[in-house]
């Protein structure tokens, strides 16, 4: 977070929209029920109008239709208040840029290509023949194994791991504990034992993909597991998400849905789980719903306080426990 304050006119000059009322200084974004005179909040869902009237927020972002209902208040009028709020939040929480340099405890193999603009943190490791783009941030204890390719401004948070041969696009962000490119489940029965199938594929993440903490994206047995460009934060960091080998995910063609006012509270309550080799062109993550096809169910949800359940004789299993969801493929 930045301590810099912005007046409403300064915000509008950078982000567009129209401001009404006094040109007050804003120091942070806050929810309507917590905002004070120096804060800005937003109204994206009309059913929360009463909260605007009760709020002590110094300014509120509203749609053109709602603006007339709040005469006398300091407003910023925008076509999409939720998107505008996100952009205002970015003003107060700017993206941290890499500070070029390699920490003395980091290990960078001689054959790796690391531009001077990259930031390599304490105890980080860059493997042989790895290629990093400009402005990457490889933070403490992060690992990039051999023969990986990273685009510009990639961020690997502490203790994340990129296995060998994986490709990350520009502005990809991998949060702590995530593992990209581990072996998928692949076993062939050899009569009295199981023979492991070498996982010769890799993982390809497109531009602007963000992977939440403790997520595991498996490599494919023969072809890559792929997440397409601009998929945003598909795997929220509620922990232990898993994308099976050879899945292919792509963002929606359009995003016409209105995000609810309480999206931050409900965005992660429902989950779509993907089995191996499944291709999905997903809707906005806030609109995900579980598969309701009774003939071929692919996901289950139940009280996170209950004991973990195992569904046998299925191609995969979903376990939800203490707000953690893991997709497990069977070895059959």
C-alpha atoms as a PDB file:
ATOM      1  CA  UNK A   1       0.000   0.000   0.000  1.00  0.00           C
ATOM      2  CA  UNK A   2       1.075   3.528  -0.719  1.00  0.00           C
ATOM      3  CA  UNK A   3       0.690   6.427   1.708  1.00  0.00           C
ATOM      4  CA  UNK A   4       0.039   8.839  -1.151  1.00  0.00           C
ATOM      5  CA  UNK A   5      -3.303  10.640  -1.220  1.00  0.00           C
ATOM      6  CA  UNK A   6      -5.277  11.415  -4.388  1.00  0.00           C
ATOM      7  CA  UNK A   7      -7.984  14.022  -4.827  1.00  0.00           C
ATOM      8  CA  UNK A   8     -11.121  13.026  -6.695  1.00  0.00           C
ATOM      9  CA  UNK A   9     -10.087  15.217  -9.624  1.00  0.00           C
ATOM     10  CA  UNK A  10      -6.710  13.479  -9.785  1.00  0.00           C
ATOM     11  CA  UNK A  11      -8.368  10.063  -9.760  1.00  0.00           C
ATOM     12  CA  UNK A  12     -10.740  11.071 -12.549  1.00  0.00           C
ATOM     13  CA  UNK A  13      -7.937  12.564 -14.608  1.00  0.00           C
ATOM     14  CA  UNK A  14      -6.112   9.222 -14.513  1.00  0.00           C
ATOM     15  CA  UNK A  15      -9.012   6.783 -14.729  1.00  0.00           C
ATOM     16  CA  UNK A  16     -11.807   8.700 -16.409  1.00  0.00           C
ATOM     17  CA  UNK A  17     -15.345   9.049 -15.095  1.00  0.00           C
ATOM     18  CA  UNK A  18     -17.003  12.123 -13.596  1.00  0.00           C
ATOM     19  CA  UNK A  19     -16.731  13.414 -10.051  1.00  0.00           C
ATOM     20  CA  UNK A  20     -19.424  15.344  -8.236  1.00  0.00           C
ATOM     21  CA  UNK A  21     -19.228  17.280  -4.988  1.00  0.00           C
ATOM     22  CA  UNK A  22     -16.105  18.473  -3.222  1.00  0.00           C
ATOM     23  CA  UNK A  23     -12.644  17.658  -4.494  1.00  0.00           C
ATOM     24  CA  UNK A  24     -11.565  15.885  -1.322  1.00  0.00           C
ATOM     25  CA  UNK A  25      -8.366  13.905  -0.776  1.00  0.00           C
ATOM     26  CA  UNK A  26      -8.617  10.107  -0.608  1.00  0.00           C
ATOM     27  CA  UNK A  27      -6.057   7.934   1.175  1.00  0.00           C
ATOM     28  CA  UNK A  28      -7.482   4.405   0.746  1.00  0.00           C
ATOM     29  CA  UNK A  29     -10.377   2.241  -0.429  1.00  0.00           C
ATOM     30  CA  UNK A  30     -12.682   0.717   2.192  1.00  0.00           C
ATOM     31  CA  UNK A  31     -16.009  -1.162   2.376  1.00  0.00           C
ATOM     32  CA  UNK A  32     -19.062   1.030   2.812  1.00  0.00           C
ATOM     33  CA  UNK A  33     -19.595  -0.011   6.431  1.00  0.00           C
ATOM     34  CA  UNK A  34     -15.973   0.686   7.419  1.00  0.00           C
ATOM     35  CA  UNK A  35     -15.126   3.744   5.336  1.00  0.00           C
ATOM     36  CA  UNK A  36     -14.368   7.097   6.953  1.00  0.00           C
ATOM     37  CA  UNK A  37     -14.124  10.608   5.576  1.00  0.00           C
ATOM     38  CA  UNK A  38     -10.718   9.991   3.957  1.00  0.00           C
ATOM     39  CA  UNK A  39     -11.807   6.796   2.207  1.00  0.00           C
ATOM     40  CA  UNK A  40     -13.579   5.912  -1.034  1.00  0.00           C
ATOM     41  CA  UNK A  41     -15.995   3.012  -1.508  1.00  0.00           C
ATOM     42  CA  UNK A  42     -18.317   1.825  -4.275  1.00  0.00           C
ATOM     43  CA  UNK A  43     -21.839   0.668  -5.090  1.00  0.00           C
ATOM     44  CA  UNK A  44     -22.150  -1.993  -7.773  1.00  0.00           C
ATOM     45  CA  UNK A  45     -25.378  -3.679  -6.668  1.00  0.00           C
ATOM     46  CA  UNK A  46     -28.527  -1.545  -6.147  1.00  0.00           C
ATOM     47  CA  UNK A  47     -29.662  -3.649  -3.188  1.00  0.00           C
ATOM     48  CA  UNK A  48     -26.878  -2.070  -1.115  1.00  0.00           C
ATOM     49  CA  UNK A  49     -28.162   1.486  -1.565  1.00  0.00           C
ATOM     50  CA  UNK A  50     -29.104   1.743   2.089  1.00  0.00           C
ATOM     51  CA  UNK A  51     -25.475   1.132   3.052  1.00  0.00           C
ATOM     52  CA  UNK A  52     -24.437   4.149   0.978  1.00  0.00           C
ATOM     53  CA  UNK A  53     -26.837   6.367   2.917  1.00  0.00           C
ATOM     54  CA  UNK A  54     -25.461   5.048   6.221  1.00  0.00           C
ATOM     55  CA  UNK A  55     -21.825   5.092   5.184  1.00  0.00           C
ATOM     56  CA  UNK A  56     -19.352   7.682   6.394  1.00  0.00           C
ATOM     57  CA  UNK A  57     -17.239   7.273   3.238  1.00  0.00           C
ATOM     58  CA  UNK A  58     -15.774  10.504   1.917  1.00  0.00           C
ATOM     59  CA  UNK A  59     -16.682   9.481  -1.649  1.00  0.00           C
ATOM     60  CA  UNK A  60     -18.538   6.659  -3.377  1.00  0.00           C
ATOM     61  CA  UNK A  61     -18.179   5.249  -6.886  1.00  0.00           C
ATOM     62  CA  UNK A  62     -21.621   4.767  -8.449  1.00  0.00           C
ATOM     63  CA  UNK A  63     -23.225   4.111 -11.813  1.00  0.00           C
ATOM     64  CA  UNK A  64     -24.925   6.889 -13.798  1.00  0.00           C
ATOM     65  CA  UNK A  65     -28.353   5.461 -12.886  1.00  0.00           C
ATOM     66  CA  UNK A  66     -27.612   5.608  -9.160  1.00  0.00           C
ATOM     67  CA  UNK A  67     -25.943   9.020  -9.112  1.00  0.00           C
ATOM     68  CA  UNK A  68     -29.165  11.040  -8.786  1.00  0.00           C
ATOM     69  CA  UNK A  69     -30.179   9.133  -5.654  1.00  0.00           C
ATOM     70  CA  UNK A  70     -27.209  10.428  -3.679  1.00  0.00           C
ATOM     71  CA  UNK A  71     -27.395  14.157  -4.196  1.00  0.00           C
ATOM     72  CA  UNK A  72     -25.126  16.046  -1.847  1.00  0.00           C
ATOM     73  CA  UNK A  73     -22.572  13.251  -1.567  1.00  0.00           C
ATOM     74  CA  UNK A  74     -19.118  13.229  -3.106  1.00  0.00           C
ATOM     75  CA  UNK A  75     -19.328  10.808  -6.010  1.00  0.00           C
ATOM     76  CA  UNK A  76     -17.374   9.410  -8.905  1.00  0.00           C
ATOM     77  CA  UNK A  77     -19.753   8.324 -11.638  1.00  0.00           C
ATOM     78  CA  UNK A  78     -18.527   5.418 -13.759  1.00  0.00           C
ATOM     79  CA  UNK A  79     -20.172   2.978 -16.172  1.00  0.00           C
ATOM     80  CA  UNK A  80     -18.844  -0.008 -14.224  1.00  0.00           C
ATOM     81  CA  UNK A  81     -18.365   0.927 -10.554  1.00  0.00           C
ATOM     82  CA  UNK A  82     -16.780  -2.406  -9.617  1.00  0.00           C
ATOM     83  CA  UNK A  83     -14.155  -2.200 -12.361  1.00  0.00           C
ATOM     84  CA  UNK A  84     -13.516   1.427 -11.495  1.00  0.00           C
ATOM     85  CA  UNK A  85     -13.063   0.482  -7.840  1.00  0.00           C
ATOM     86  CA  UNK A  86     -10.483  -2.131  -8.881  1.00  0.00           C
ATOM     87  CA  UNK A  87      -8.542   0.509 -10.780  1.00  0.00           C
ATOM     88  CA  UNK A  88      -8.692   2.936  -7.847  1.00  0.00           C
ATOM     89  CA  UNK A  89      -7.448   0.171  -5.560  1.00  0.00           C
ATOM     90  CA  UNK A  90      -4.506  -0.308  -7.908  1.00  0.00           C
ATOM     91  CA  UNK A  91      -3.625   3.378  -7.521  1.00  0.00           C
ATOM     92  CA  UNK A  92      -3.207   2.832  -3.791  1.00  0.00           C
ATOM     93  CA  UNK A  93      -1.491  -0.526  -4.216  1.00  0.00           C
ATOM     94  CA  UNK A  94       0.806  -0.180  -7.228  1.00  0.00           C
ATOM     95  CA  UNK A  95       2.567  -3.185  -8.694  1.00  0.00           C
ATOM     96  CA  UNK A  96       5.998  -3.609  -7.151  1.00  0.00           C
ATOM     97  CA  UNK A  97       8.692  -3.391  -9.780  1.00  0.00           C
ATOM     98  CA  UNK A  98      11.829  -5.506  -9.745  1.00  0.00           C
ATOM     99  CA  UNK A  99      14.941  -4.016  -8.235  1.00  0.00           C
ATOM    100  CA  UNK A 100      17.646  -5.508 -10.381  1.00  0.00           C
ATOM    101  CA  UNK A 101      20.195  -7.643  -8.640  1.00  0.00           C
ATOM    102  CA  UNK A 102      21.014 -11.129  -7.366  1.00  0.00           C
ATOM    103  CA  UNK A 103      21.085 -11.814  -3.639  1.00  0.00           C
ATOM    104  CA  UNK A 104      24.412 -13.211  -2.404  1.00  0.00           C
ATOM    105  CA  UNK A 105      22.741 -16.423  -1.217  1.00  0.00           C
ATOM    106  CA  UNK A 106      20.903 -17.069  -4.500  1.00  0.00           C
ATOM    107  CA  UNK A 107      22.228 -19.666  -6.952  1.00  0.00           C
ATOM    108  CA  UNK A 108      22.108 -18.901 -10.670  1.00  0.00           C
ATOM    109  CA  UNK A 109      23.602 -21.529 -12.948  1.00  0.00           C
ATOM    110  CA  UNK A 110      26.177 -20.260 -15.421  1.00  0.00           C
ATOM    111  CA  UNK A 111      24.130 -21.227 -18.481  1.00  0.00           C
ATOM    112  CA  UNK A 112      20.999 -19.425 -17.261  1.00  0.00           C
ATOM    113  CA  UNK A 113      20.088 -16.124 -18.928  1.00  0.00           C
ATOM    114  CA  UNK A 114      19.044 -13.569 -16.321  1.00  0.00           C
ATOM    115  CA  UNK A 115      18.780  -9.905 -17.411  1.00  0.00           C
ATOM    116  CA  UNK A 116      20.220  -7.271 -15.127  1.00  0.00           C
ATOM    117  CA  UNK A 117      16.711  -5.893 -14.549  1.00  0.00           C
ATOM    118  CA  UNK A 118      15.627  -9.086 -12.750  1.00  0.00           C
ATOM    119  CA  UNK A 119      15.428  -9.357  -8.970  1.00  0.00           C
ATOM    120  CA  UNK A 120      16.644 -12.691  -7.572  1.00  0.00           C
ATOM    121  CA  UNK A 121      15.902 -13.061  -3.860  1.00  0.00           C
ATOM    122  CA  UNK A 122      17.616 -14.846  -1.001  1.00  0.00           C
ATOM    123  CA  UNK A 123      18.181 -18.590  -1.491  1.00  0.00           C
ATOM    124  CA  UNK A 124      16.393 -18.554  -4.850  1.00  0.00           C
ATOM    125  CA  UNK A 125      17.595 -20.983  -7.528  1.00  0.00           C
ATOM    126  CA  UNK A 126      17.731 -20.528 -11.309  1.00  0.00           C
ATOM    127  CA  UNK A 127      18.553 -23.740 -13.157  1.00  0.00           C
ATOM    128  CA  UNK A 128      20.724 -24.440 -16.165  1.00  0.00           C
ATOM    129  CA  UNK A 129      19.568 -23.036 -19.509  1.00  0.00           C
ATOM    130  CA  UNK A 130      16.667 -21.192 -17.909  1.00  0.00           C
ATOM    131  CA  UNK A 131      15.725 -17.972 -19.712  1.00  0.00           C
ATOM    132  CA  UNK A 132      14.156 -15.058 -17.837  1.00  0.00           C
ATOM    133  CA  UNK A 133      12.553 -12.000 -19.392  1.00  0.00           C
ATOM    134  CA  UNK A 134      13.044  -8.411 -18.307  1.00  0.00           C
ATOM    135  CA  UNK A 135      11.950  -7.261 -14.857  1.00  0.00           C
ATOM    136  CA  UNK A 136      11.227 -10.673 -13.305  1.00  0.00           C
ATOM    137  CA  UNK A 137      11.034 -11.008  -9.518  1.00  0.00           C
ATOM    138  CA  UNK A 138      12.149 -14.414  -8.217  1.00  0.00           C
ATOM    139  CA  UNK A 139      11.647 -14.024  -4.488  1.00  0.00           C
ATOM    140  CA  UNK A 140      13.138 -15.837  -1.514  1.00  0.00           C
ATOM    141  CA  UNK A 141      13.435 -19.638  -1.805  1.00  0.00           C
ATOM    142  CA  UNK A 142      11.664 -19.748  -5.178  1.00  0.00           C
ATOM    143  CA  UNK A 143      12.957 -22.335  -7.649  1.00  0.00           C
ATOM    144  CA  UNK A 144      13.133 -22.223 -11.434  1.00  0.00           C
ATOM    145  CA  UNK A 145      14.460 -25.544 -12.667  1.00  0.00           C
ATOM    146  CA  UNK A 146      16.475 -26.133 -15.809  1.00  0.00           C
ATOM    147  CA  UNK A 147      15.233 -25.288 -19.321  1.00  0.00           C
ATOM    148  CA  UNK A 148      12.368 -23.060 -18.174  1.00  0.00           C
ATOM    149  CA  UNK A 149      11.349 -19.929 -20.062  1.00  0.00           C
ATOM    150  CA  UNK A 150       9.836 -16.956 -18.254  1.00  0.00           C
ATOM    151  CA  UNK A 151       8.406 -13.876 -19.941  1.00  0.00           C
ATOM    152  CA  UNK A 152       8.743 -10.272 -18.835  1.00  0.00           C
ATOM    153  CA  UNK A 153       7.755  -9.127 -15.333  1.00  0.00           C
ATOM    154  CA  UNK A 154       7.016 -12.605 -14.002  1.00  0.00           C
ATOM    155  CA  UNK A 155       6.693 -12.786 -10.211  1.00  0.00           C
ATOM    156  CA  UNK A 156       7.441 -15.958  -8.262  1.00  0.00           C
ATOM    157  CA  UNK A 157       6.546 -15.511  -4.632  1.00  0.00           C
ATOM    158  CA  UNK A 158       8.531 -17.208  -1.855  1.00  0.00           C
ATOM    159  CA  UNK A 159       8.687 -21.010  -1.897  1.00  0.00           C
ATOM    160  CA  UNK A 160       7.026 -21.430  -5.285  1.00  0.00           C
ATOM    161  CA  UNK A 161       8.530 -24.001  -7.671  1.00  0.00           C
ATOM    162  CA  UNK A 162       8.636 -24.131 -11.460  1.00  0.00           C
ATOM    163  CA  UNK A 163       9.663 -27.589 -12.655  1.00  0.00           C
ATOM    164  CA  UNK A 164      11.941 -28.146 -15.619  1.00  0.00           C
ATOM    165  CA  UNK A 165      10.885 -27.232 -19.136  1.00  0.00           C
ATOM    166  CA  UNK A 166       7.861 -25.106 -18.240  1.00  0.00           C
ATOM    167  CA  UNK A 167       6.943 -21.861 -19.990  1.00  0.00           C
ATOM    168  CA  UNK A 168       5.439 -18.805 -18.297  1.00  0.00           C
ATOM    169  CA  UNK A 169       4.152 -15.850 -20.305  1.00  0.00           C
ATOM    170  CA  UNK A 170       4.473 -12.151 -19.574  1.00  0.00           C
ATOM    171  CA  UNK A 171       3.273 -10.803 -16.225  1.00  0.00           C
ATOM    172  CA  UNK A 172       2.522 -14.241 -14.782  1.00  0.00           C
ATOM    173  CA  UNK A 173       2.299 -14.308 -10.985  1.00  0.00           C
ATOM    174  CA  UNK A 174       2.778 -17.504  -8.960  1.00  0.00           C
ATOM    175  CA  UNK A 175       1.941 -17.305  -5.274  1.00  0.00           C
ATOM    176  CA  UNK A 176       3.703 -19.018  -2.405  1.00  0.00           C
ATOM    177  CA  UNK A 177       3.663 -22.776  -2.205  1.00  0.00           C
ATOM    178  CA  UNK A 178       2.445 -23.308  -5.765  1.00  0.00           C
ATOM    179  CA  UNK A 179       4.106 -26.063  -7.814  1.00  0.00           C
ATOM    180  CA  UNK A 180       4.008 -25.779 -11.590  1.00  0.00           C
ATOM    181  CA  UNK A 181       4.994 -28.806 -13.685  1.00  0.00           C
ATOM    182  CA  UNK A 182       5.075 -31.674 -11.192  1.00  0.00           C
ATOM    183  CA  UNK A 183       4.341 -35.140 -12.562  1.00  0.00           C
ATOM    184  CA  UNK A 184       0.720 -36.017 -13.170  1.00  0.00           C
ATOM    185  CA  UNK A 185      -0.721 -39.388 -12.223  1.00  0.00           C
ATOM    186  CA  UNK A 186       0.312 -41.898 -14.887  1.00  0.00           C
ATOM    187  CA  UNK A 187       0.708 -45.596 -14.127  1.00  0.00           C
ATOM    188  CA  UNK A 188       0.487 -48.754 -16.234  1.00  0.00           C
ATOM    189  CA  UNK A 189      -0.318 -52.069 -14.555  1.00  0.00           C
ATOM    190  CA  UNK A 190       2.473 -54.610 -15.005  1.00  0.00           C
ATOM    191  CA  UNK A 191       0.751 -57.661 -13.589  1.00  0.00           C
ATOM    192  CA  UNK A 192       2.072 -57.566 -10.062  1.00  0.00           C
ATOM    193  CA  UNK A 193       3.097 -53.910  -9.818  1.00  0.00           C
ATOM    194  CA  UNK A 194       2.617 -50.489 -11.302  1.00  0.00           C
ATOM    195  CA  UNK A 195       4.975 -49.010 -13.913  1.00  0.00           C
ATOM    196  CA  UNK A 196       5.207 -45.241 -13.854  1.00  0.00           C
ATOM    197  CA  UNK A 197       4.601 -43.534 -17.179  1.00  0.00           C
ATOM    198  CA  UNK A 198       7.180 -40.768 -17.755  1.00  0.00           C
ATOM    199  CA  UNK A 199       5.541 -37.371 -17.876  1.00  0.00           C
ATOM    200  CA  UNK A 200       7.222 -35.904 -20.948  1.00  0.00           C
ATOM    201  CA  UNK A 201       4.937 -32.903 -21.404  1.00  0.00           C
ATOM    202  CA  UNK A 202       5.288 -29.622 -19.555  1.00  0.00           C
ATOM    203  CA  UNK A 203       3.114 -26.717 -18.412  1.00  0.00           C
ATOM    204  CA  UNK A 204       2.474 -23.555 -20.430  1.00  0.00           C
ATOM    205  CA  UNK A 205       0.931 -20.521 -18.757  1.00  0.00           C
ATOM    206  CA  UNK A 206      -0.126 -17.661 -21.016  1.00  0.00           C
ATOM    207  CA  UNK A 207       0.236 -13.938 -20.415  1.00  0.00           C
ATOM    208  CA  UNK A 208      -1.373 -12.351 -17.318  1.00  0.00           C
ATOM    209  CA  UNK A 209      -2.118 -15.647 -15.576  1.00  0.00           C
ATOM    210  CA  UNK A 210      -2.136 -15.625 -11.779  1.00  0.00           C
ATOM    211  CA  UNK A 211      -1.933 -18.850  -9.770  1.00  0.00           C
ATOM    212  CA  UNK A 212      -3.009 -18.897  -6.119  1.00  0.00           C
ATOM    213  CA  UNK A 213      -0.992 -20.264  -3.228  1.00  0.00           C
ATOM    214  CA  UNK A 214      -0.553 -24.022  -2.738  1.00  0.00           C
ATOM    215  CA  UNK A 215      -1.853 -24.770  -6.220  1.00  0.00           C
ATOM    216  CA  UNK A 216      -0.476 -27.724  -8.163  1.00  0.00           C
ATOM    217  CA  UNK A 217      -0.611 -27.732 -11.966  1.00  0.00           C
ATOM    218  CA  UNK A 218       0.596 -31.078 -13.311  1.00  0.00           C
ATOM    219  CA  UNK A 219       2.597 -31.554 -16.487  1.00  0.00           C
ATOM    220  CA  UNK A 220       1.135 -33.759 -19.216  1.00  0.00           C
ATOM    221  CA  UNK A 221       2.302 -37.257 -20.015  1.00  0.00           C
ATOM    222  CA  UNK A 222       2.897 -36.392 -23.692  1.00  0.00           C
ATOM    223  CA  UNK A 223       1.580 -32.856 -24.274  1.00  0.00           C
ATOM    224  CA  UNK A 224       1.529 -29.687 -22.221  1.00  0.00           C
ATOM    225  CA  UNK A 225      -1.018 -28.669 -19.629  1.00  0.00           C
ATOM    226  CA  UNK A 226      -2.061 -25.206 -20.828  1.00  0.00           C
ATOM    227  CA  UNK A 227      -3.676 -22.164 -19.225  1.00  0.00           C
ATOM    228  CA  UNK A 228      -4.501 -19.549 -21.860  1.00  0.00           C
ATOM    229  CA  UNK A 229      -3.745 -15.830 -21.935  1.00  0.00           C
ATOM    230  CA  UNK A 230      -5.509 -13.505 -19.572  1.00  0.00           C
ATOM    231  CA  UNK A 231      -7.056 -16.143 -17.363  1.00  0.00           C
ATOM    232  CA  UNK A 232      -6.668 -13.927 -14.336  1.00  0.00           C
ATOM    233  CA  UNK A 233      -6.689 -15.386 -10.867  1.00  0.00           C
ATOM    234  CA  UNK A 234      -8.378 -18.684 -11.779  1.00  0.00           C
ATOM    235  CA  UNK A 235      -7.010 -20.574  -8.776  1.00  0.00           C
ATOM    236  CA  UNK A 236      -7.793 -18.467  -5.694  1.00  0.00           C
ATOM    237  CA  UNK A 237      -5.479 -18.932  -2.787  1.00  0.00           C
ATOM    238  CA  UNK A 238      -7.860 -20.853  -0.564  1.00  0.00           C
ATOM    239  CA  UNK A 239      -5.252 -23.576  -0.837  1.00  0.00           C
ATOM    240  CA  UNK A 240      -4.625 -26.961  -2.373  1.00  0.00           C
ATOM    241  CA  UNK A 241      -6.168 -26.446  -5.790  1.00  0.00           C
ATOM    242  CA  UNK A 242      -5.123 -28.957  -8.395  1.00  0.00           C
ATOM    243  CA  UNK A 243      -5.350 -28.920 -12.178  1.00  0.00           C
ATOM    244  CA  UNK A 244      -4.959 -32.380 -13.701  1.00  0.00           C
ATOM    245  CA  UNK A 245      -2.483 -33.190 -16.424  1.00  0.00           C
ATOM    246  CA  UNK A 246      -3.198 -32.118 -20.010  1.00  0.00           C
ATOM    247  CA  UNK A 247      -6.090 -29.824 -19.059  1.00  0.00           C
ATOM    248  CA  UNK A 248      -6.486 -26.793 -21.276  1.00  0.00           C
ATOM    249  CA  UNK A 249      -8.084 -23.661 -19.821  1.00  0.00           C
ATOM    250  CA  UNK A 250      -8.964 -20.554 -21.765  1.00  0.00           C
ATOM    251  CA  UNK A 251     -10.663 -17.320 -20.706  1.00  0.00           C
ATOM    252  CA  UNK A 252     -14.217 -16.461 -21.792  1.00  0.00           C
ATOM    253  CA  UNK A 253     -14.896 -14.693 -25.079  1.00  0.00           C
ATOM    254  CA  UNK A 254     -16.958 -12.037 -23.304  1.00  0.00           C
ATOM    255  CA  UNK A 255     -17.551 -10.823 -19.775  1.00  0.00           C
ATOM    256  CA  UNK A 256     -21.012  -9.302 -19.717  1.00  0.00           C
ATOM    257  CA  UNK A 257     -22.007 -10.322 -16.218  1.00  0.00           C
ATOM    258  CA  UNK A 258     -22.237  -7.762 -13.417  1.00  0.00           C
ATOM    259  CA  UNK A 259     -20.044  -8.612 -10.465  1.00  0.00           C
ATOM    260  CA  UNK A 260     -22.037  -8.469  -7.204  1.00  0.00           C
ATOM    261  CA  UNK A 261     -21.244  -5.986  -4.459  1.00  0.00           C
ATOM    262  CA  UNK A 262     -20.207  -8.831  -2.154  1.00  0.00           C
ATOM    263  CA  UNK A 263     -18.118 -10.609  -4.758  1.00  0.00           C
ATOM    264  CA  UNK A 264     -15.116 -10.688  -2.455  1.00  0.00           C
ATOM    265  CA  UNK A 265     -17.082 -12.801   0.018  1.00  0.00           C
ATOM    266  CA  UNK A 266     -18.685 -15.203  -2.435  1.00  0.00           C
ATOM    267  CA  UNK A 267     -16.177 -15.573  -5.252  1.00  0.00           C
ATOM    268  CA  UNK A 268     -14.566 -18.696  -3.792  1.00  0.00           C
ATOM    269  CA  UNK A 269     -17.587 -20.478  -2.381  1.00  0.00           C
ATOM    270  CA  UNK A 270     -18.199 -22.560  -5.474  1.00  0.00           C
ATOM    271  CA  UNK A 271     -15.607 -24.432  -7.436  1.00  0.00           C
ATOM    272  CA  UNK A 272     -15.329 -26.113 -10.837  1.00  0.00           C
ATOM    273  CA  UNK A 273     -13.022 -29.144 -10.755  1.00  0.00           C
ATOM    274  CA  UNK A 274     -11.307 -30.414 -13.897  1.00  0.00           C
ATOM    275  CA  UNK A 275     -10.247 -33.918 -14.714  1.00  0.00           C
ATOM    276  CA  UNK A 276      -7.277 -34.800 -16.861  1.00  0.00           C
ATOM    277  CA  UNK A 277      -7.343 -33.860 -20.535  1.00  0.00           C
ATOM    278  CA  UNK A 278     -10.490 -31.723 -20.110  1.00  0.00           C
ATOM    279  CA  UNK A 279     -10.801 -28.521 -22.115  1.00  0.00           C
ATOM    280  CA  UNK A 280     -12.888 -25.734 -20.614  1.00  0.00           C
ATOM    281  CA  UNK A 281     -13.649 -22.225 -21.790  1.00  0.00           C
ATOM    282  CA  UNK A 282     -14.645 -20.935 -18.422  1.00  0.00           C
ATOM    283  CA  UNK A 283     -16.979 -18.109 -17.412  1.00  0.00           C
ATOM    284  CA  UNK A 284     -15.889 -15.430 -15.006  1.00  0.00           C
ATOM    285  CA  UNK A 285     -14.634 -17.135 -11.797  1.00  0.00           C
ATOM    286  CA  UNK A 286     -17.335 -15.360  -9.773  1.00  0.00           C
ATOM    287  CA  UNK A 287     -20.018 -17.222 -11.757  1.00  0.00           C
ATOM    288  CA  UNK A 288     -18.638 -20.734 -11.418  1.00  0.00           C
ATOM    289  CA  UNK A 289     -21.225 -23.351 -10.458  1.00  0.00           C
ATOM    290  CA  UNK A 290     -20.668 -27.037  -9.735  1.00  0.00           C
ATOM    291  CA  UNK A 291     -21.491 -29.565 -12.406  1.00  0.00           C
ATOM    292  CA  UNK A 292     -25.102 -30.720 -11.876  1.00  0.00           C
ATOM    293  CA  UNK A 293     -25.082 -33.534 -14.426  1.00  0.00           C
ATOM    294  CA  UNK A 294     -26.139 -36.532 -12.335  1.00  0.00           C
ATOM    295  CA  UNK A 295     -24.970 -39.017 -14.932  1.00  0.00           C
ATOM    296  CA  UNK A 296     -21.373 -37.792 -14.922  1.00  0.00           C
ATOM    297  CA  UNK A 297     -20.710 -35.687 -11.866  1.00  0.00           C
ATOM    298  CA  UNK A 298     -17.299 -34.077 -11.654  1.00  0.00           C
ATOM    299  CA  UNK A 299     -17.468 -32.117  -8.415  1.00  0.00           C
ATOM    300  CA  UNK A 300     -18.942 -32.237  -4.934  1.00  0.00           C
ATOM    301  CA  UNK A 301     -19.259 -29.689  -2.193  1.00  0.00           C
ATOM    302  CA  UNK A 302     -20.204 -30.216   1.405  1.00  0.00           C
ATOM    303  CA  UNK A 303     -19.671 -28.706   4.810  1.00  0.00           C
ATOM    304  CA  UNK A 304     -15.976 -27.961   5.205  1.00  0.00           C
ATOM    305  CA  UNK A 305     -16.219 -28.961   8.862  1.00  0.00           C
ATOM    306  CA  UNK A 306     -17.129 -32.530   7.974  1.00  0.00           C
ATOM    307  CA  UNK A 307     -14.542 -35.251   7.622  1.00  0.00           C
ATOM    308  CA  UNK A 308     -12.829 -35.668   4.235  1.00  0.00           C
ATOM    309  CA  UNK A 309     -14.735 -37.994   1.937  1.00  0.00           C
ATOM    310  CA  UNK A 310     -13.387 -40.307  -0.734  1.00  0.00           C
ATOM    311  CA  UNK A 311     -15.551 -41.195  -3.721  1.00  0.00           C
ATOM    312  CA  UNK A 312     -14.341 -44.533  -5.055  1.00  0.00           C
ATOM    313  CA  UNK A 313     -14.723 -46.115  -8.499  1.00  0.00           C
ATOM    314  CA  UNK A 314     -14.635 -42.743 -10.220  1.00  0.00           C
ATOM    315  CA  UNK A 315     -12.116 -41.228 -12.621  1.00  0.00           C
ATOM    316  CA  UNK A 316     -11.173 -38.669 -10.009  1.00  0.00           C
ATOM    317  CA  UNK A 317     -12.045 -37.506  -6.528  1.00  0.00           C
ATOM    318  CA  UNK A 318     -12.737 -34.090  -5.083  1.00  0.00           C
ATOM    319  CA  UNK A 319     -11.993 -33.596  -1.402  1.00  0.00           C
ATOM    320  CA  UNK A 320     -13.080 -30.451   0.403  1.00  0.00           C
ATOM    321  CA  UNK A 321     -11.872 -29.926   3.943  1.00  0.00           C
ATOM    322  CA  UNK A 322     -11.359 -26.730   5.939  1.00  0.00           C
ATOM    323  CA  UNK A 323     -11.750 -24.501   2.860  1.00  0.00           C
ATOM    324  CA  UNK A 324      -9.213 -26.560   0.899  1.00  0.00           C
ATOM    325  CA  UNK A 325     -10.089 -28.374  -2.309  1.00  0.00           C
ATOM    326  CA  UNK A 326      -7.918 -30.916  -4.094  1.00  0.00           C
ATOM    327  CA  UNK A 327      -8.598 -32.686  -7.363  1.00  0.00           C
ATOM    328  CA  UNK A 328      -7.125 -36.170  -7.259  1.00  0.00           C
ATOM    329  CA  UNK A 329      -7.020 -38.516 -10.225  1.00  0.00           C
ATOM    330  CA  UNK A 330      -7.346 -42.187  -9.485  1.00  0.00           C
ATOM    331  CA  UNK A 331      -4.619 -44.632 -10.467  1.00  0.00           C
ATOM    332  CA  UNK A 332      -6.980 -47.060 -12.153  1.00  0.00           C
END
